[in-house]
Amino acid sequence: MLIVSEAKRDAGGFVTVSGTITNNGGEAVNTVHWAGTETDVLAKNPNSVAGATLIDKVGKKRYYTLRDTDGRCLCTTGLGVLVPGKTSNFFVQFPAPPEGTQEVDFTLPTFATATIKISG
């Protein structure tokens, strides 16, 4: 189960999405799929949430996870295997949509898309 607790617009021109991911199932979950499919991202950000995106449906634009100059995502990394009953916190940063955009879709591979509100 993925719960987004906050999507906050920051003064630096980005949006930080944070929350928790809980394994409510009976078997361990490999988090490798959450890093996405882009080869460069996978190489530098294994077991991360680098595969997350924000979609501005009104502006018709998709925003990808920000990266530093070395290609490392500005997101939670090192998640590894999520054993049954375990909860992990996560965060991921994106370029900010235009000021007037208050609502976006948040996607993370293997989870359903969720519409979230941006504060700040």
Protein backbone atom coordinates (compact mmCIF):
# COMPACT_ATOMS: atom_id res chain seq x y z
CA MET A 1 0.00 0.00 0.00
CA LEU A 2 1.32 3.43 -0.98
CA ILE A 3 0.16 6.51 0.91
CA VAL A 4 1.14 10.01 -0.22
CA SER A 5 1.17 12.21 2.88
CA GLU A 6 2.38 15.42 1.24
CA ALA A 7 3.07 17.02 -2.12
CA LYS A 8 4.66 20.37 -1.42
CA ARG A 9 5.79 23.08 -3.81
CA ASP A 10 9.15 24.45 -2.65
CA ALA A 11 10.67 27.87 -3.28
CA GLY A 12 13.49 26.30 -5.31
CA GLY A 13 11.19 25.44 -8.21
CA PHE A 14 10.46 21.83 -7.38
CA VAL A 15 7.76 19.67 -5.80
CA THR A 16 8.56 17.13 -3.09
CA VAL A 17 6.20 14.17 -2.76
CA SER A 18 6.53 12.11 0.42
CA GLY A 19 4.71 9.28 2.12
CA THR A 20 4.94 5.63 3.08
CA ILE A 21 4.92 2.27 1.37
CA THR A 22 3.72 -0.73 3.38
CA ASN A 23 3.87 -4.40 2.42
CA ASN A 24 0.47 -5.69 3.58
CA GLY A 25 0.94 -8.97 1.71
CA GLY A 26 2.21 -12.31 2.88
CA GLU A 27 5.39 -12.36 0.78
CA ALA A 28 8.44 -10.14 0.43
CA VAL A 29 8.29 -7.51 -2.32
CA ASN A 30 11.32 -6.75 -4.48
CA THR A 31 11.47 -2.96 -4.92
CA VAL A 32 13.58 -3.07 -8.11
CA HIS A 33 10.60 -2.17 -10.35
CA TRP A 34 10.06 1.15 -8.57
CA ALA A 35 13.29 2.55 -10.07
CA GLY A 36 11.71 2.55 -13.54
CA THR A 37 13.13 1.24 -16.79
CA GLU A 38 15.61 3.91 -17.88
CA THR A 39 19.04 2.22 -18.05
CA ASP A 40 21.08 5.18 -16.72
CA VAL A 41 18.71 5.70 -13.80
CA LEU A 42 18.69 2.00 -12.90
CA ALA A 43 22.49 1.84 -12.88
CA LYS A 44 22.89 4.69 -10.41
CA ASN A 45 19.67 4.32 -8.37
CA PRO A 46 18.87 0.67 -7.75
CA ASN A 47 16.09 -0.08 -5.27
CA SER A 48 14.81 3.49 -5.38
CA VAL A 49 11.59 5.28 -6.29
CA ALA A 50 13.28 6.98 -9.29
CA GLY A 51 10.60 5.59 -11.62
CA ALA A 52 7.95 7.90 -10.15
CA THR A 53 6.38 10.59 -12.33
CA LEU A 54 3.95 13.47 -11.98
CA ILE A 55 1.44 14.11 -14.76
CA ASP A 56 -0.16 17.49 -15.30
CA LYS A 57 -3.26 16.49 -17.27
CA VAL A 58 -4.35 20.08 -17.88
CA GLY A 59 -0.91 21.22 -19.07
CA LYS A 60 -0.38 17.87 -20.85
CA LYS A 61 3.10 17.40 -19.42
CA ARG A 62 4.87 14.58 -17.57
CA TYR A 63 7.51 15.38 -14.94
CA TYR A 64 10.28 12.91 -14.15
CA THR A 65 12.28 12.53 -10.94
CA LEU A 66 15.03 15.12 -10.58
CA ARG A 67 18.66 13.97 -10.65
CA ASP A 68 21.91 15.51 -9.49
CA THR A 69 24.87 16.11 -11.80
CA ASP A 70 26.10 12.55 -11.19
CA GLY A 71 22.78 11.04 -12.30
CA ARG A 72 21.59 10.09 -8.82
CA CYS A 73 17.92 10.66 -8.21
CA LEU A 74 16.64 13.18 -5.67
CA CYS A 75 14.59 10.45 -4.07
CA THR A 76 14.63 7.62 -1.58
CA THR A 77 17.15 4.90 -2.46
CA GLY A 78 18.33 1.66 -0.87
CA LEU A 79 14.87 0.22 -0.28
CA GLY A 80 15.88 -3.38 -0.98
CA VAL A 81 13.31 -6.06 -0.22
CA LEU A 82 10.17 -5.00 1.63
CA VAL A 83 9.24 -7.87 3.96
CA PRO A 84 5.62 -8.50 4.99
CA GLY A 85 4.40 -5.95 7.52
CA LYS A 86 7.29 -3.55 6.89
CA THR A 87 6.69 0.15 6.18
CA SER A 88 9.25 2.40 4.48
CA ASN A 89 9.13 6.16 4.18
CA PHE A 90 9.81 7.66 0.76
CA PHE A 91 10.32 11.03 -0.90
CA VAL A 92 10.84 12.06 -4.49
CA GLN A 93 11.47 15.49 -6.02
CA PHE A 94 10.19 16.75 -9.38
CA PRO A 95 10.43 19.99 -11.34
CA ALA A 96 7.46 22.11 -10.28
CA PRO A 97 4.50 22.42 -12.64
CA PRO A 98 3.29 25.99 -13.34
CA GLU A 99 2.02 27.92 -10.28
CA GLY A 100 -1.62 27.54 -11.32
CA THR A 101 -1.39 23.74 -11.33
CA GLN A 102 -2.82 22.50 -8.05
CA GLU A 103 -3.56 18.87 -8.93
CA VAL A 104 -1.42 16.20 -10.65
CA ASP A 105 -1.38 12.44 -11.08
CA PHE A 106 1.36 10.58 -9.20
CA THR A 107 2.61 7.31 -10.66
CA LEU A 108 5.02 4.72 -9.33
CA PRO A 109 5.54 1.42 -11.18
CA THR A 110 3.42 -1.47 -9.77
CA PHE A 111 0.99 0.95 -8.03
CA ALA A 112 -2.25 2.50 -9.28
CA THR A 113 -2.10 6.13 -10.41
CA ALA A 114 -3.33 8.59 -7.76
CA THR A 115 -4.49 12.17 -8.17
CA ILE A 116 -2.83 14.37 -5.54
CA LYS A 117 -3.03 18.05 -4.57
CA ILE A 118 0.09 20.23 -4.41
CA SER A 119 0.39 22.53 -1.40
CA GLY A 120 2.55 25.60 -0.99
